[in-house]
Amino acid sequence: MSETNIFKVLSDSQRRAILEMLREGRLNAGEIAQRLQISSAALSYHLKLLKGADLVTEYKEKNFIYYEINSSVFDELIMWVKQFGGRKK
């Protein structure tokens, strides 16, 4: 996914809140929805966009699907942003 699309996904405060929660560790959809106090349909939409941008990964464990931050995408994004930093004279 391009940087433009990643920034578009990150522009929503609900999605940023999800990422902040996941920074603390993995969570399942029910835990995320409860903390944000949003419907499962709304959460599903946000998670779909986060997964589409590869910012979040999911995996099944027993009867639950857990979500985690995909830190490698953030590492790549940081490197991309750093190219615009100050230049030595």
N, C-alpha and C. Protein backbone atom coordinates (compact mmCIF):
# COMPACT_ATOMS: atom_id res chain seq x y z
N MET A 1 0.84 -1.18 0.00
CA MET A 1 0.00 0.00 0.00
C MET A 1 0.89 1.24 0.00
N SER A 2 0.48 2.26 -0.69
CA SER A 2 1.26 3.47 -0.79
C SER A 2 1.17 4.30 0.49
N GLU A 3 2.15 5.19 0.64
CA GLU A 3 2.16 6.07 1.81
C GLU A 3 0.90 6.92 1.87
N THR A 4 0.42 7.36 0.71
CA THR A 4 -0.78 8.18 0.66
C THR A 4 -1.96 7.45 1.28
N ASN A 5 -2.13 6.19 0.95
CA ASN A 5 -3.24 5.40 1.50
C ASN A 5 -3.06 5.15 2.99
N ILE A 6 -1.83 4.93 3.41
CA ILE A 6 -1.57 4.72 4.83
C ILE A 6 -1.95 5.98 5.62
N PHE A 7 -1.55 7.15 5.10
CA PHE A 7 -1.90 8.39 5.79
C PHE A 7 -3.41 8.61 5.80
N LYS A 8 -4.08 8.19 4.75
CA LYS A 8 -5.53 8.33 4.69
C LYS A 8 -6.18 7.45 5.77
N VAL A 9 -5.68 6.24 5.92
CA VAL A 9 -6.20 5.33 6.96
C VAL A 9 -5.92 5.91 8.35
N LEU A 10 -4.74 6.48 8.52
CA LEU A 10 -4.35 7.05 9.83
C LEU A 10 -5.05 8.36 10.14
N SER A 11 -5.72 8.95 9.17
CA SER A 11 -6.36 10.25 9.39
C SER A 11 -7.59 10.17 10.30
N ASP A 12 -8.12 8.98 10.52
CA ASP A 12 -9.32 8.82 11.34
C ASP A 12 -8.95 8.59 12.80
N SER A 13 -9.55 9.34 13.70
CA SER A 13 -9.23 9.25 15.12
C SER A 13 -9.58 7.89 15.72
N GLN A 14 -10.64 7.26 15.25
CA GLN A 14 -11.01 5.94 15.76
C GLN A 14 -9.94 4.90 15.42
N ARG A 15 -9.42 4.97 14.20
CA ARG A 15 -8.39 4.03 13.80
C ARG A 15 -7.09 4.28 14.56
N ARG A 16 -6.77 5.54 14.80
CA ARG A 16 -5.59 5.85 15.60
C ARG A 16 -5.77 5.33 17.04
N ALA A 17 -6.98 5.43 17.56
CA ALA A 17 -7.27 4.93 18.91
C ALA A 17 -7.08 3.41 18.96
N ILE A 18 -7.51 2.72 17.91
CA ILE A 18 -7.32 1.27 17.84
C ILE A 18 -5.83 0.94 17.88
N LEU A 19 -5.04 1.66 17.09
CA LEU A 19 -3.60 1.41 17.06
C LEU A 19 -2.96 1.70 18.42
N GLU A 20 -3.42 2.74 19.08
CA GLU A 20 -2.89 3.05 20.41
C GLU A 20 -3.20 1.93 21.40
N MET A 21 -4.38 1.36 21.30
CA MET A 21 -4.74 0.22 22.16
C MET A 21 -3.85 -0.97 21.87
N LEU A 22 -3.65 -1.23 20.58
CA LEU A 22 -2.86 -2.40 20.18
C LEU A 22 -1.38 -2.22 20.49
N ARG A 23 -0.96 -1.00 20.70
CA ARG A 23 0.43 -0.75 21.07
C ARG A 23 0.74 -1.45 22.40
N GLU A 24 -0.26 -1.58 23.25
CA GLU A 24 -0.10 -2.22 24.56
C GLU A 24 -0.08 -3.74 24.46
N GLY A 25 -0.56 -4.28 23.34
CA GLY A 25 -0.59 -5.73 23.16
C GLY A 25 -1.80 -6.15 22.35
N ARG A 26 -1.86 -7.42 22.05
CA ARG A 26 -2.94 -7.95 21.21
C ARG A 26 -4.29 -7.84 21.90
N LEU A 27 -5.33 -7.67 21.09
CA LEU A 27 -6.70 -7.62 21.59
C LEU A 27 -7.61 -8.29 20.59
N ASN A 28 -8.74 -8.80 21.08
CA ASN A 28 -9.73 -9.33 20.14
C ASN A 28 -10.75 -8.23 19.84
N ALA A 29 -11.58 -8.47 18.85
CA ALA A 29 -12.52 -7.45 18.39
C ALA A 29 -13.47 -7.00 19.50
N GLY A 30 -13.93 -7.92 20.31
CA GLY A 30 -14.85 -7.57 21.40
C GLY A 30 -14.22 -6.61 22.39
N GLU A 31 -12.95 -6.85 22.71
CA GLU A 31 -12.24 -5.98 23.64
C GLU A 31 -12.07 -4.57 23.06
N ILE A 32 -11.75 -4.51 21.78
CA ILE A 32 -11.56 -3.22 21.12
C ILE A 32 -12.89 -2.46 21.07
N ALA A 33 -13.95 -3.14 20.63
CA ALA A 33 -15.27 -2.50 20.51
C ALA A 33 -15.75 -1.99 21.87
N GLN A 34 -15.52 -2.76 22.91
CA GLN A 34 -15.95 -2.36 24.25
C GLN A 34 -15.20 -1.11 24.70
N ARG A 35 -13.89 -1.09 24.49
CA ARG A 35 -13.10 0.07 24.91
C ARG A 35 -13.48 1.33 24.14
N LEU A 36 -13.77 1.18 22.84
CA LEU A 36 -14.13 2.34 22.02
C LEU A 36 -15.61 2.68 22.11
N GLN A 37 -16.38 1.75 22.63
CA GLN A 37 -17.84 1.90 22.72
C GLN A 37 -18.44 2.15 21.34
N ILE A 38 -18.07 1.27 20.38
CA ILE A 38 -18.63 1.34 19.03
C ILE A 38 -19.23 -0.01 18.68
N SER A 39 -20.06 -0.02 17.66
CA SER A 39 -20.71 -1.26 17.24
C SER A 39 -19.69 -2.18 16.57
N SER A 40 -20.04 -3.45 16.51
CA SER A 40 -19.15 -4.41 15.85
C SER A 40 -19.04 -4.11 14.36
N ALA A 41 -20.11 -3.58 13.76
CA ALA A 41 -20.07 -3.23 12.33
C ALA A 41 -19.08 -2.09 12.09
N ALA A 42 -19.11 -1.08 12.94
CA ALA A 42 -18.18 0.05 12.81
C ALA A 42 -16.75 -0.42 13.02
N LEU A 43 -16.54 -1.26 14.02
CA LEU A 43 -15.20 -1.78 14.28
C LEU A 43 -14.71 -2.62 13.10
N SER A 44 -15.58 -3.43 12.56
CA SER A 44 -15.22 -4.26 11.41
C SER A 44 -14.73 -3.40 10.24
N TYR A 45 -15.40 -2.29 10.00
CA TYR A 45 -15.01 -1.36 8.94
C TYR A 45 -13.61 -0.80 9.20
N HIS A 46 -13.37 -0.34 10.42
CA HIS A 46 -12.06 0.23 10.76
C HIS A 46 -10.95 -0.82 10.67
N LEU A 47 -11.23 -2.02 11.16
CA LEU A 47 -10.22 -3.08 11.10
C LEU A 47 -9.93 -3.49 9.66
N LYS A 48 -10.95 -3.49 8.82
CA LYS A 48 -10.75 -3.81 7.40
C LYS A 48 -9.77 -2.83 6.76
N LEU A 49 -9.93 -1.54 7.06
CA LEU A 49 -9.03 -0.53 6.49
C LEU A 49 -7.62 -0.65 7.08
N LEU A 50 -7.52 -0.89 8.37
CA LEU A 50 -6.21 -1.05 9.00
C LEU A 50 -5.49 -2.29 8.46
N LYS A 51 -6.22 -3.38 8.27
CA LYS A 51 -5.61 -4.58 7.70
C LYS A 51 -5.23 -4.35 6.24
N GLY A 52 -6.07 -3.65 5.49
CA GLY A 52 -5.78 -3.36 4.09
C GLY A 52 -4.53 -2.52 3.91
N ALA A 53 -4.23 -1.69 4.90
CA ALA A 53 -3.01 -0.87 4.88
C ALA A 53 -1.83 -1.61 5.51
N ASP A 54 -2.05 -2.85 5.89
CA ASP A 54 -1.04 -3.69 6.56
C ASP A 54 -0.55 -3.12 7.88
N LEU A 55 -1.34 -2.26 8.49
CA LEU A 55 -0.96 -1.70 9.78
C LEU A 55 -1.29 -2.63 10.93
N VAL A 56 -2.22 -3.56 10.67
CA VAL A 56 -2.67 -4.51 11.69
C VAL A 56 -2.69 -5.90 11.08
N THR A 57 -2.29 -6.88 11.87
CA THR A 57 -2.40 -8.27 11.45
C THR A 57 -3.40 -8.97 12.37
N GLU A 58 -3.94 -10.07 11.89
CA GLU A 58 -4.89 -10.83 12.70
C GLU A 58 -4.49 -12.29 12.70
N TYR A 59 -4.85 -12.97 13.77
CA TYR A 59 -4.65 -14.41 13.84
C TYR A 59 -5.70 -15.01 14.77
N LYS A 60 -6.02 -16.27 14.47
CA LYS A 60 -7.03 -16.97 15.26
C LYS A 60 -6.36 -17.77 16.37
N GLU A 61 -7.02 -17.74 17.50
CA GLU A 61 -6.61 -18.56 18.63
C GLU A 61 -7.88 -19.07 19.29
N LYS A 62 -8.10 -20.35 19.19
CA LYS A 62 -9.34 -20.98 19.64
C LYS A 62 -10.53 -20.31 18.95
N ASN A 63 -11.45 -19.71 19.71
CA ASN A 63 -12.65 -19.11 19.13
C ASN A 63 -12.53 -17.61 18.91
N PHE A 64 -11.35 -17.06 19.07
CA PHE A 64 -11.18 -15.62 18.96
C PHE A 64 -10.22 -15.25 17.85
N ILE A 65 -10.44 -14.07 17.28
CA ILE A 65 -9.50 -13.48 16.34
C ILE A 65 -8.84 -12.32 17.06
N TYR A 66 -7.51 -12.37 17.12
CA TYR A 66 -6.75 -11.33 17.80
C TYR A 66 -6.08 -10.43 16.77
N TYR A 67 -5.90 -9.18 17.16
CA TYR A 67 -5.30 -8.18 16.29
C TYR A 67 -4.05 -7.63 16.96
N GLU A 68 -3.02 -7.39 16.13
CA GLU A 68 -1.76 -6.85 16.60
C GLU A 68 -1.27 -5.81 15.61
N ILE A 69 -0.42 -4.92 16.08
CA ILE A 69 0.20 -3.93 15.20
C ILE A 69 1.26 -4.63 14.35
N ASN A 70 1.33 -4.26 13.09
CA ASN A 70 2.38 -4.73 12.19
C ASN A 70 3.47 -3.66 12.20
N SER A 71 4.42 -3.80 13.10
CA SER A 71 5.43 -2.75 13.30
C SER A 71 6.34 -2.56 12.10
N SER A 72 6.49 -3.57 11.25
CA SER A 72 7.38 -3.43 10.10
C SER A 72 6.89 -2.34 9.14
N VAL A 73 5.57 -2.19 9.01
CA VAL A 73 5.03 -1.13 8.14
C VAL A 73 5.34 0.23 8.73
N PHE A 74 5.26 0.36 10.05
CA PHE A 74 5.59 1.63 10.69
C PHE A 74 7.08 1.94 10.53
N ASP A 75 7.92 0.92 10.60
CA ASP A 75 9.35 1.12 10.40
C ASP A 75 9.62 1.66 8.99
N GLU A 76 8.96 1.07 8.00
CA GLU A 76 9.10 1.53 6.61
C GLU A 76 8.59 2.96 6.45
N LEU A 77 7.49 3.26 7.09
CA LEU A 77 6.90 4.59 7.00
C LEU A 77 7.83 5.64 7.63
N ILE A 78 8.45 5.30 8.74
CA ILE A 78 9.40 6.20 9.39
C ILE A 78 10.59 6.47 8.47
N MET A 79 11.10 5.43 7.84
CA MET A 79 12.21 5.61 6.90
C MET A 79 11.80 6.50 5.74
N TRP A 80 10.59 6.34 5.25
CA TRP A 80 10.10 7.16 4.14
C TRP A 80 10.02 8.63 4.57
N VAL A 81 9.50 8.89 5.77
CA VAL A 81 9.36 10.26 6.26
C VAL A 81 10.74 10.89 6.50
N LYS A 82 11.69 10.11 6.98
CA LYS A 82 13.02 10.64 7.29
C LYS A 82 13.73 11.19 6.05
N GLN A 83 13.36 10.73 4.88
CA GLN A 83 14.02 11.23 3.68
C GLN A 83 13.76 12.72 3.47
N PHE A 84 12.77 13.26 4.15
CA PHE A 84 12.42 14.67 4.02
C PHE A 84 13.06 15.53 5.12
N GLY A 85 13.88 14.90 5.93
CA GLY A 85 14.54 15.62 7.02
C GLY A 85 15.58 16.60 6.50
N GLY A 86 16.14 17.36 7.44
CA GLY A 86 17.14 18.36 7.08
C GLY A 86 18.37 17.74 6.46
N ARG A 87 18.98 18.49 5.57
CA ARG A 87 20.21 18.02 4.91
C ARG A 87 21.40 18.75 5.51
N LYS A 88 22.50 18.02 5.61
CA LYS A 88 23.73 18.61 6.12
C LYS A 88 24.32 19.52 5.06
N LYS A 89 24.83 20.65 5.52
CA LYS A 89 25.44 21.62 4.58
C LYS A 89 26.92 21.47 4.54
